[in-house]
Protein backbone atom coordinates (compact mmCIF):
# COMPACT_ATOMS: atom_id res chain seq x y z
CA UNK A 1 -11.01 -32.99 26.79
CA UNK A 2 -9.68 -32.91 23.75
CA UNK A 3 -11.55 -30.31 21.48
CA UNK A 4 -12.27 -27.79 25.23
CA UNK A 5 -8.04 -28.00 25.26
CA UNK A 6 -7.41 -27.08 21.53
CA UNK A 7 -9.89 -24.24 21.48
CA UNK A 8 -8.12 -23.16 24.75
CA UNK A 9 -4.60 -23.14 22.86
CA UNK A 10 -6.26 -21.40 19.53
CA UNK A 11 -7.80 -18.90 22.36
CA UNK A 12 -4.00 -17.79 23.35
CA UNK A 13 -2.77 -18.21 20.57
CA UNK A 14 -5.23 -15.56 18.84
CA UNK A 15 -4.56 -13.41 21.72
CA UNK A 16 -1.07 -13.40 21.68
CA UNK A 17 -1.36 -12.70 17.82
CA UNK A 18 -3.68 -9.55 18.42
CA UNK A 19 -0.96 -8.37 21.60
CA UNK A 20 1.42 -9.04 18.89
CA UNK A 21 0.64 -7.01 16.20
CA UNK A 22 -0.83 -4.15 18.34
CA UNK A 23 3.07 -3.94 19.23
CA UNK A 24 4.17 -4.03 15.63
CA UNK A 25 1.89 -1.57 13.92
CA UNK A 26 1.47 1.17 17.17
CA UNK A 27 4.13 3.65 17.51
CA UNK A 28 5.15 2.48 20.92
CA UNK A 29 2.18 1.04 23.49
CA UNK A 30 2.57 -0.15 26.99
CA UNK A 31 0.87 -3.58 28.59
CA UNK A 32 -1.72 -1.41 29.90
CA UNK A 33 -2.74 0.16 26.87
CA UNK A 34 -2.73 -3.23 25.15
CA UNK A 35 -5.10 -4.20 27.88
CA UNK A 36 -7.24 -1.17 27.31
CA UNK A 37 -7.71 -1.44 23.84
CA UNK A 38 -8.26 -5.88 23.72
CA UNK A 39 -10.46 -5.55 26.47
CA UNK A 40 -7.84 -8.20 27.96
CA UNK A 41 -7.40 -8.04 32.03
CA UNK A 42 -4.03 -6.74 32.56
CA UNK A 43 -2.92 -10.54 33.77
CA UNK A 44 -3.40 -11.71 30.27
CA UNK A 45 -1.52 -9.09 29.08
CA UNK A 46 1.53 -9.60 30.87
CA UNK A 47 1.34 -13.16 29.76
CA UNK A 48 1.29 -12.88 26.63
CA UNK A 49 3.63 -10.17 26.41
CA UNK A 50 6.07 -12.17 29.17
CA UNK A 51 5.59 -14.99 26.59
CA UNK A 52 6.50 -12.97 23.52
CA UNK A 53 10.00 -11.54 24.69
CA UNK A 54 11.00 -14.89 25.88
CA UNK A 55 10.69 -16.20 22.37
CA UNK A 56 12.56 -13.18 21.77
CA UNK A 57 9.63 -10.97 19.19
CA UNK A 58 9.12 -8.66 21.24
CA UNK A 59 11.84 -6.24 23.84
CA UNK A 60 9.82 -3.64 26.56
CA UNK A 61 12.30 -1.13 27.60
CA UNK A 62 13.29 0.79 24.65
CA UNK A 63 11.61 4.05 26.15
CA UNK A 64 8.83 5.89 28.40
CA UNK A 65 5.85 6.46 27.08
CA UNK A 66 3.62 9.61 29.02
CA UNK A 67 1.20 9.00 31.44
CA UNK A 68 -1.83 11.75 31.38
CA UNK A 69 -1.96 11.26 35.52
CA UNK A 70 0.04 13.42 37.52
CA UNK A 71 0.76 10.31 40.15
CA UNK A 72 2.91 7.09 38.99
CA UNK A 73 5.22 5.84 37.09
CA UNK A 74 5.17 6.44 33.01
CA UNK A 75 4.41 3.24 30.92
CA UNK A 76 7.26 1.54 29.63
CA UNK A 77 7.30 0.82 25.68
CA UNK A 78 7.35 -2.46 24.12
CA UNK A 79 8.58 -2.59 20.87
CA UNK A 80 9.58 -5.78 17.99
CA UNK A 81 12.87 -6.91 19.12
CA UNK A 82 15.87 -5.67 16.44
CA UNK A 83 16.32 -9.76 15.46
CA UNK A 84 12.35 -10.70 15.29
CA UNK A 85 11.98 -12.52 11.96
CA UNK A 86 11.76 -10.51 8.65
CA UNK A 87 9.83 -10.47 5.43
CA UNK A 88 11.16 -9.82 1.95
CA UNK A 89 8.88 -7.50 0.10
CA UNK A 90 9.12 -7.11 -3.74
CA UNK A 91 7.67 -4.35 -5.98
CA UNK A 92 6.91 -4.48 -9.41
CA UNK A 93 5.51 -1.10 -11.31
CA UNK A 94 6.39 -0.53 -14.59
CA UNK A 95 9.55 1.72 -14.14
CA UNK A 96 10.48 -0.06 -11.58
CA UNK A 97 11.44 -2.94 -9.63
CA UNK A 98 12.26 -2.65 -5.56
CA UNK A 99 13.52 -5.53 -3.13
CA UNK A 100 13.45 -5.35 0.79
CA UNK A 101 13.81 -6.47 3.92
CA UNK A 102 10.89 -5.23 6.42
CA UNK A 103 10.03 -6.12 9.35
CA UNK A 104 6.57 -7.10 11.19
CA UNK A 105 6.30 -3.55 11.90
CA UNK A 106 6.45 -2.30 8.31
CA UNK A 107 9.64 -0.56 8.48
CA UNK A 108 12.43 -1.08 6.08
CA UNK A 109 15.84 -1.90 6.67
CA UNK A 110 17.44 -3.28 3.59
CA UNK A 111 17.02 -2.35 -0.14
CA UNK A 112 18.09 -3.04 -3.84
CA UNK A 113 16.10 -0.88 -6.14
CA UNK A 114 16.03 -1.59 -10.65
CA UNK A 115 15.14 1.79 -12.39
CA UNK A 116 16.22 1.10 -16.02
CA UNK A 117 13.55 -0.62 -17.47
CA UNK A 118 14.49 -0.15 -21.32
CA UNK A 119 15.31 -3.83 -21.53
CA UNK A 120 13.36 -5.56 -19.71
CA UNK A 121 11.97 -9.81 -20.30
CA UNK A 122 10.35 -11.91 -17.97
CA UNK A 123 13.99 -13.66 -17.36
CA UNK A 124 15.90 -10.51 -16.92
CA UNK A 125 13.29 -9.29 -14.32
CA UNK A 126 13.62 -12.42 -12.66
CA UNK A 127 17.33 -12.25 -12.56
CA UNK A 128 17.01 -9.68 -10.75
CA UNK A 129 14.11 -11.17 -8.67
CA UNK A 130 16.66 -13.68 -7.68
CA UNK A 131 20.02 -11.78 -7.29
CA UNK A 132 17.98 -9.03 -5.17
CA UNK A 133 17.17 -11.94 -2.60
CA UNK A 134 20.41 -13.52 -1.91
CA UNK A 135 22.39 -10.33 -1.78
CA UNK A 136 19.68 -9.11 1.10
CA UNK A 137 19.29 -13.47 2.56
CA UNK A 138 23.26 -11.89 2.15
CA UNK A 139 23.21 -8.88 4.80
CA UNK A 140 20.54 -9.83 7.29
CA UNK A 141 21.60 -12.25 10.36
CA UNK A 142 17.15 -12.82 11.15
CA UNK A 143 14.81 -15.22 9.47
CA UNK A 144 13.59 -14.71 6.22
CA UNK A 145 9.68 -15.82 7.26
CA UNK A 146 7.96 -15.08 3.36
CA UNK A 147 7.79 -13.11 0.45
CA UNK A 148 5.26 -10.68 -0.66
CA UNK A 149 4.84 -9.05 -4.37
CA UNK A 150 3.54 -6.51 -4.71
CA UNK A 151 3.25 -5.83 -9.48
CA UNK A 152 0.71 -4.01 -10.85
CA UNK A 153 -2.22 -5.86 -12.32
CA UNK A 154 -4.00 -7.44 -13.62
CA UNK A 155 -2.50 -10.78 -11.96
CA UNK A 156 -4.86 -13.67 -10.67
CA UNK A 157 -3.47 -14.42 -6.63
CA UNK A 158 -4.94 -17.36 -6.31
CA UNK A 159 -2.75 -19.11 -9.00
CA UNK A 160 0.14 -16.52 -8.16
CA UNK A 161 0.25 -15.62 -11.99
CA UNK A 162 0.98 -12.00 -13.57
CA UNK A 163 -0.93 -12.05 -16.34
CA UNK A 164 -1.20 -9.66 -19.14
CA UNK A 165 -0.39 -5.61 -17.46
CA UNK A 166 -0.79 -3.42 -19.96
CA UNK A 167 2.43 -1.47 -21.60
CA UNK A 168 4.75 -3.42 -19.24
CA UNK A 169 7.04 -4.02 -22.43
CA UNK A 170 5.18 -7.14 -23.29
CA UNK A 171 5.48 -9.68 -19.60
CA UNK A 172 2.68 -11.82 -19.36
CA UNK A 173 1.71 -14.93 -18.40
CA UNK A 174 4.42 -15.36 -15.67
CA UNK A 175 3.88 -17.66 -12.89
CA UNK A 176 5.50 -15.75 -10.51
CA UNK A 177 4.80 -17.32 -7.60
CA UNK A 178 5.71 -20.83 -8.32
CA UNK A 179 9.48 -19.43 -9.95
CA UNK A 180 10.09 -17.38 -6.32
CA UNK A 181 8.89 -19.58 -4.29
CA UNK A 182 11.31 -22.29 -5.89
CA UNK A 183 14.64 -20.31 -4.78
CA UNK A 184 13.32 -18.72 -1.78
CA UNK A 185 12.08 -22.07 -0.24
CA UNK A 186 9.13 -19.96 1.31
CA UNK A 187 6.04 -18.55 1.54
CA UNK A 188 5.55 -16.27 -1.60
CA UNK A 189 2.66 -14.56 -2.34
CA UNK A 190 0.86 -12.09 -4.93
CA UNK A 191 -0.87 -9.49 -4.82
CA UNK A 192 -1.98 -6.01 -7.32
CA UNK A 193 -0.35 -2.80 -6.29
CA UNK A 194 -3.14 -1.09 -5.59
CA UNK A 195 -4.57 -4.01 -3.42
CA UNK A 196 -1.61 -3.61 -1.69
CA UNK A 197 -1.42 -0.32 -1.16
CA UNK A 198 -4.66 -0.39 0.28
CA UNK A 199 -3.45 -3.19 3.04
CA UNK A 200 -0.48 -0.94 3.86
CA UNK A 201 -2.95 1.65 4.77
CA UNK A 202 -4.76 -0.26 6.45
CA UNK A 203 -1.42 -2.20 8.62
CA UNK A 204 0.49 0.87 8.60
CA UNK A 205 -0.64 4.43 7.17
CA UNK A 206 -3.79 6.74 7.11
CA UNK A 207 -6.50 3.52 7.74
CA UNK A 208 -5.86 2.45 10.89
CA UNK A 209 -8.54 3.89 12.38
CA UNK A 210 -11.14 3.37 9.17
CA UNK A 211 -13.09 0.42 8.56
CA UNK A 212 -14.05 1.54 4.95
CA UNK A 213 -12.08 3.12 2.75
CA UNK A 214 -11.10 3.63 -1.10
CA UNK A 215 -7.19 3.89 -1.62
CA UNK A 216 -6.46 5.72 -4.50
CA UNK A 217 -2.57 5.51 -6.49
CA UNK A 218 -1.42 7.66 -8.89
CA UNK A 219 2.36 7.66 -10.36
CA UNK A 220 2.48 6.03 -14.63
CA UNK A 221 -0.78 5.00 -14.16
CA UNK A 222 -4.35 4.62 -11.37
CA UNK A 223 -4.53 1.75 -9.52
CA UNK A 224 -6.77 1.26 -6.50
CA UNK A 225 -7.81 -1.00 -3.57
CA UNK A 226 -11.04 -1.45 -0.65
CA UNK A 227 -11.19 -2.07 2.92
CA UNK A 228 -14.11 -2.98 3.37
CA UNK A 229 -15.26 -3.63 7.21
CA UNK A 230 -11.52 -3.61 8.65
CA UNK A 231 -10.23 -6.13 5.70
CA UNK A 232 -8.84 -5.43 2.72
CA UNK A 233 -11.02 -6.83 -0.93
CA UNK A 234 -9.41 -8.44 -3.30
CA UNK A 235 -12.08 -9.83 -5.05
CA UNK A 236 -12.43 -14.10 -6.43
CA UNK A 237 -8.90 -13.44 -8.29
CA UNK A 238 -7.36 -11.11 -6.81
CA UNK A 239 -8.19 -8.14 -9.13
CA UNK A 240 -10.27 -6.06 -7.59
CA UNK A 241 -8.96 -2.22 -7.91
CA UNK A 242 -8.56 -1.99 -11.23
CA UNK A 243 -10.04 1.84 -11.63
CA UNK A 244 -8.06 2.62 -14.27
CA UNK A 245 -9.07 0.32 -16.75
CA UNK A 246 -12.78 1.47 -15.98
CA UNK A 247 -14.93 3.46 -18.65
CA UNK A 248 -15.49 6.87 -18.19
CA UNK A 249 -16.44 7.42 -21.94
CA UNK A 250 -18.37 4.62 -23.32
CA UNK A 251 -17.59 6.58 -27.25
CA UNK A 252 -13.83 6.57 -26.11
CA UNK A 253 -10.68 4.39 -27.73
CA UNK A 254 -10.32 0.86 -27.25
CA UNK A 255 -8.25 0.20 -24.64
CA UNK A 256 -5.06 -1.95 -24.60
CA UNK A 257 -6.96 -3.99 -22.12
CA UNK A 258 -9.84 -5.05 -24.14
CA UNK A 259 -12.27 -2.51 -22.61
CA UNK A 260 -13.19 0.82 -24.22
CA UNK A 261 -12.98 4.74 -22.79
CA UNK A 262 -10.67 3.25 -19.58
CA UNK A 263 -10.41 5.56 -17.21
CA UNK A 264 -6.07 5.60 -17.66
CA UNK A 265 -6.32 6.12 -21.46
CA UNK A 266 -7.37 9.56 -20.37
CA UNK A 267 -5.66 10.28 -16.46
CA UNK A 268 -1.87 9.52 -17.81
CA UNK A 269 1.49 10.85 -18.19
CA UNK A 270 1.53 11.15 -21.88
CA UNK A 271 -1.28 13.33 -21.83
CA UNK A 272 0.24 15.34 -18.85
CA UNK A 273 3.00 16.03 -20.71
CA UNK A 274 1.07 16.68 -23.88
CA UNK A 275 -1.00 19.31 -22.16
CA UNK A 276 1.95 21.14 -20.90
CA UNK A 277 3.35 20.71 -24.16
CA UNK A 278 0.44 22.51 -26.05
CA UNK A 279 0.02 25.33 -23.45
CA UNK A 280 3.56 26.47 -22.92
CA UNK A 281 3.47 29.22 -25.24
CA UNK A 282 0.95 30.93 -22.73
CA UNK A 283 2.66 30.01 -19.81
CA UNK A 284 6.51 31.09 -19.81
CA UNK A 285 6.97 31.86 -17.03
CA UNK A 286 6.06 27.94 -15.24
CA UNK A 287 8.42 25.67 -14.56
CA UNK A 288 6.94 22.86 -16.01
CA UNK A 289 8.24 24.44 -19.39
CA UNK A 290 11.65 23.65 -18.22
CA UNK A 291 11.11 20.39 -17.50
CA UNK A 292 11.60 17.58 -20.87
CA UNK A 293 9.59 14.76 -18.57
CA UNK A 294 7.89 16.55 -16.58
CA UNK A 295 6.24 14.29 -13.71
CA UNK A 296 2.92 13.48 -11.71
CA UNK A 297 4.95 14.93 -8.57
CA UNK A 298 6.14 18.26 -11.15
CA UNK A 299 3.03 18.99 -11.82
CA UNK A 300 1.54 18.51 -8.07
CA UNK A 301 5.03 20.27 -6.34
CA UNK A 302 4.27 23.52 -9.10
CA UNK A 303 0.46 23.64 -8.31
CA UNK A 304 1.21 23.50 -4.64
CA UNK A 305 3.05 26.70 -5.24
CA UNK A 306 0.27 28.28 -7.31
CA UNK A 307 1.62 27.87 -10.60
CA UNK A 308 -0.88 28.98 -13.24
CA UNK A 309 -0.24 26.10 -15.74
CA UNK A 310 0.37 23.39 -13.11
CA UNK A 311 -3.28 23.96 -11.82
CA UNK A 312 -4.57 23.60 -15.25
CA UNK A 313 -2.73 20.38 -16.03
CA UNK A 314 -4.02 18.83 -12.72
CA UNK A 315 -7.65 20.62 -12.75
CA UNK A 316 -7.68 18.62 -16.24
CA UNK A 317 -5.94 15.06 -14.78
CA UNK A 318 -8.56 15.10 -11.93
CA UNK A 319 -11.44 15.33 -13.80
CA UNK A 320 -11.32 12.46 -14.94
CA UNK A 321 -9.82 10.72 -11.82
CA UNK A 322 -13.44 12.22 -10.30
CA UNK A 323 -15.58 10.38 -12.66
CA UNK A 324 -14.21 7.20 -11.85
CA UNK A 325 -14.17 8.15 -8.05
CA UNK A 326 -17.32 9.40 -8.20
CA UNK A 327 -18.81 5.41 -9.21
CA UNK A 328 -16.77 3.97 -6.56
CA UNK A 329 -18.03 6.18 -3.47
CA UNK A 330 -22.27 6.04 -4.85
CA UNK A 331 -21.33 1.90 -5.35
CA UNK A 332 -19.64 1.42 -2.05
CA UNK A 333 -20.87 3.55 -0.05
CA UNK A 334 -17.04 5.16 1.03
CA UNK A 335 -16.60 8.46 2.53
CA UNK A 336 -12.88 7.78 3.51
CA UNK A 337 -10.48 8.21 0.27
CA UNK A 338 -6.47 7.87 0.93
CA UNK A 339 -4.52 9.13 -1.82
CA UNK A 340 -1.18 7.49 -2.40
CA UNK A 341 1.40 10.18 -4.97
CA UNK A 342 4.84 11.73 -4.77
CA UNK A 343 5.37 14.91 -3.91
CA UNK A 344 7.83 16.86 -2.58
CA UNK A 345 5.95 19.83 -0.76
CA UNK A 346 3.33 20.09 1.90
CA UNK A 347 0.34 21.74 0.08
CA UNK A 348 -2.73 20.04 -0.52
CA UNK A 349 -4.01 21.34 -3.88
CA UNK A 350 -4.69 17.72 -5.11
CA UNK A 351 -6.99 16.98 -2.50
CA UNK A 352 -8.63 19.95 -2.41
CA UNK A 353 -9.51 19.33 -6.18
CA UNK A 354 -10.58 15.84 -5.97
CA UNK A 355 -12.56 16.84 -3.79
CA UNK A 356 -14.38 19.43 -5.05
CA UNK A 357 -14.43 17.74 -8.06
CA UNK A 358 -16.14 14.84 -6.11
CA UNK A 359 -18.77 16.20 -3.67
CA UNK A 360 -20.87 17.92 -6.53
CA UNK A 361 -20.94 14.76 -7.98
CA UNK A 362 -22.31 12.50 -5.32
CA UNK A 363 -25.90 12.41 -3.82
CA UNK A 364 -25.33 15.99 -1.14
CA UNK A 365 -25.91 13.50 2.78
CA UNK A 366 -22.33 11.44 1.14
CA UNK A 367 -20.42 14.82 0.25
CA UNK A 368 -21.08 16.17 3.42
CA UNK A 369 -19.11 13.25 5.41
CA UNK A 370 -16.62 12.56 3.04
CA UNK A 371 -12.95 12.79 3.34
CA UNK A 372 -9.96 12.59 1.26
CA UNK A 373 -6.65 11.91 2.77
CA UNK A 374 -3.13 12.47 1.46
CA UNK A 375 -0.41 8.74 2.62
CA UNK A 376 2.37 8.99 4.51
CA UNK A 377 3.59 6.49 2.18
CA UNK A 378 4.27 8.99 -1.10
CA UNK A 379 3.61 7.34 -3.36
CA UNK A 380 4.94 3.89 -2.30
CA UNK A 381 2.49 2.64 -0.44
CA UNK A 382 2.28 -0.43 -2.73
CA UNK A 383 5.84 -1.64 -1.49
CA UNK A 384 5.09 -1.39 1.61
CA UNK A 385 1.94 -3.65 1.33
CA UNK A 386 3.87 -6.28 0.15
CA UNK A 387 5.12 -6.56 3.40
CA UNK A 388 1.82 -5.79 4.68
CA UNK A 389 0.60 -9.08 2.88
CA UNK A 390 2.30 -11.20 4.70
CA UNK A 391 2.14 -9.15 8.26
CA UNK A 392 -1.94 -9.78 7.03
CA UNK A 393 -1.89 -13.21 7.32
CA UNK A 394 0.27 -13.43 10.03
CA UNK A 395 -1.92 -11.71 12.82
CA UNK A 396 -4.81 -13.58 11.31
CA UNK A 397 -3.51 -16.83 11.76
CA UNK A 398 -3.35 -17.91 8.66
CA UNK A 399 0.47 -18.35 7.86
CA UNK A 400 3.02 -19.40 10.88
CA UNK A 401 6.04 -18.06 11.26
CA UNK A 402 7.92 -19.42 14.16
C-alpha cells in the first residue's frame, strides 16, 4: 500500500508539472486545450488547474481564446500568476553581462546590463553579478527560486567552473556556481551559452515543436547547442556545442584553445572588418565603409538591402560556417537549424546563403528536408536560456520550487 501511494503521488506531481509547463510555455491555453495536448481526462486537468490556482501559480480569466466551433462559449485562457515565483538569469559574453529576473514562461521583467568590459577581472565580474542580483531582489516582491548562469565556454557544468574561455580577459578557473550560491543562498546552475540558447528555443522559441535541431549563435564568435529527441544535449561536462573550436583547416594556425584551424579563427568579427576595409575602395557607396567598427548585424542589415560589399562579406563568412555545419548535419542527421543573431532587418539573406552552401555539401536526400529557421530571440537566446535552464529542471521534477 505504501509503495502504491508513493507512485500515485509521483504521477500526480508529474501531471501537475506537465500542466504547468503547457500553461507557461503556450501563448494562451485553456483547460480543454491541455486535455487534448496531454491526453489527461478533463476532470484530471480541471483538478490540477484548480490546485495550481489555489497555489497562486496560475490565474484563469485574463482573456478568452478563439473557438473553432460556431456554437458554445469561447474557452478561458490560463496564464501564470503575476505573483508566481521567478528566476534570476545571468548571461555572460565577451563584451556584455546581463542579469535579469524572469518567470516560468521565460518573460523578462527586470534587468541590469554591464557593457564596459575594458578592464574586467574575476573580482569585478563577481561584484557585478552580486550587486545586480541584490538590486533586482530589492525591486521585486516575488520569490526568486534559483539562478541560471549562461556563459561562454569552455565551462564545466558539473563542477560549476568557468574554465578558460578564449579572449576573455584572462579569466579562467572561476568557480562561479559556488560563489553565486554563497551570496544568494539559492540553487545555482551553469550552462555554456550555446546549450542555453538551444534550451531557450526548445522551451520558448522556434524549437518547441521540433524533436531534433541544431542551434547556432552568431555574435562575437560562434556557438552551438543541440536538442535530440526533445531534450537538450550537454555532454558529460556541459561542453558540447563548441562548434567555434572545431577544425575546418587542418593546416591552419594554432588556436588559443589548443586546436588547429578552428572555425572561429576564420569566421570572426576581426576578419569581417578586415574584409570590409580591404574591399572598401571598390565599394565606395556601401554603408559599411562609413562605420568605424561594423558589426555582424551591420553586415546582415546591409546585405538584406542588397549591398554588394555586405553580400560579399557574408558569403565568405558563411562559407566557413557551412563547413562546420555540414559535418554536424552528416554526423547527427539533423534537418533543422535555428540561427540566432542580431539584426534590425526582416530579410532572410543569411539563411538563404547558408542554406545554399550547406545543401550543396550534404547528402541530397538530407538537403531536401533541411530547414534553416531564424530565432525570434534576435541574438538573445542564451539570456533566455539562463532562465530555461532552471525551468527545464522544474518541469522535469529535478528542482522543487515550492
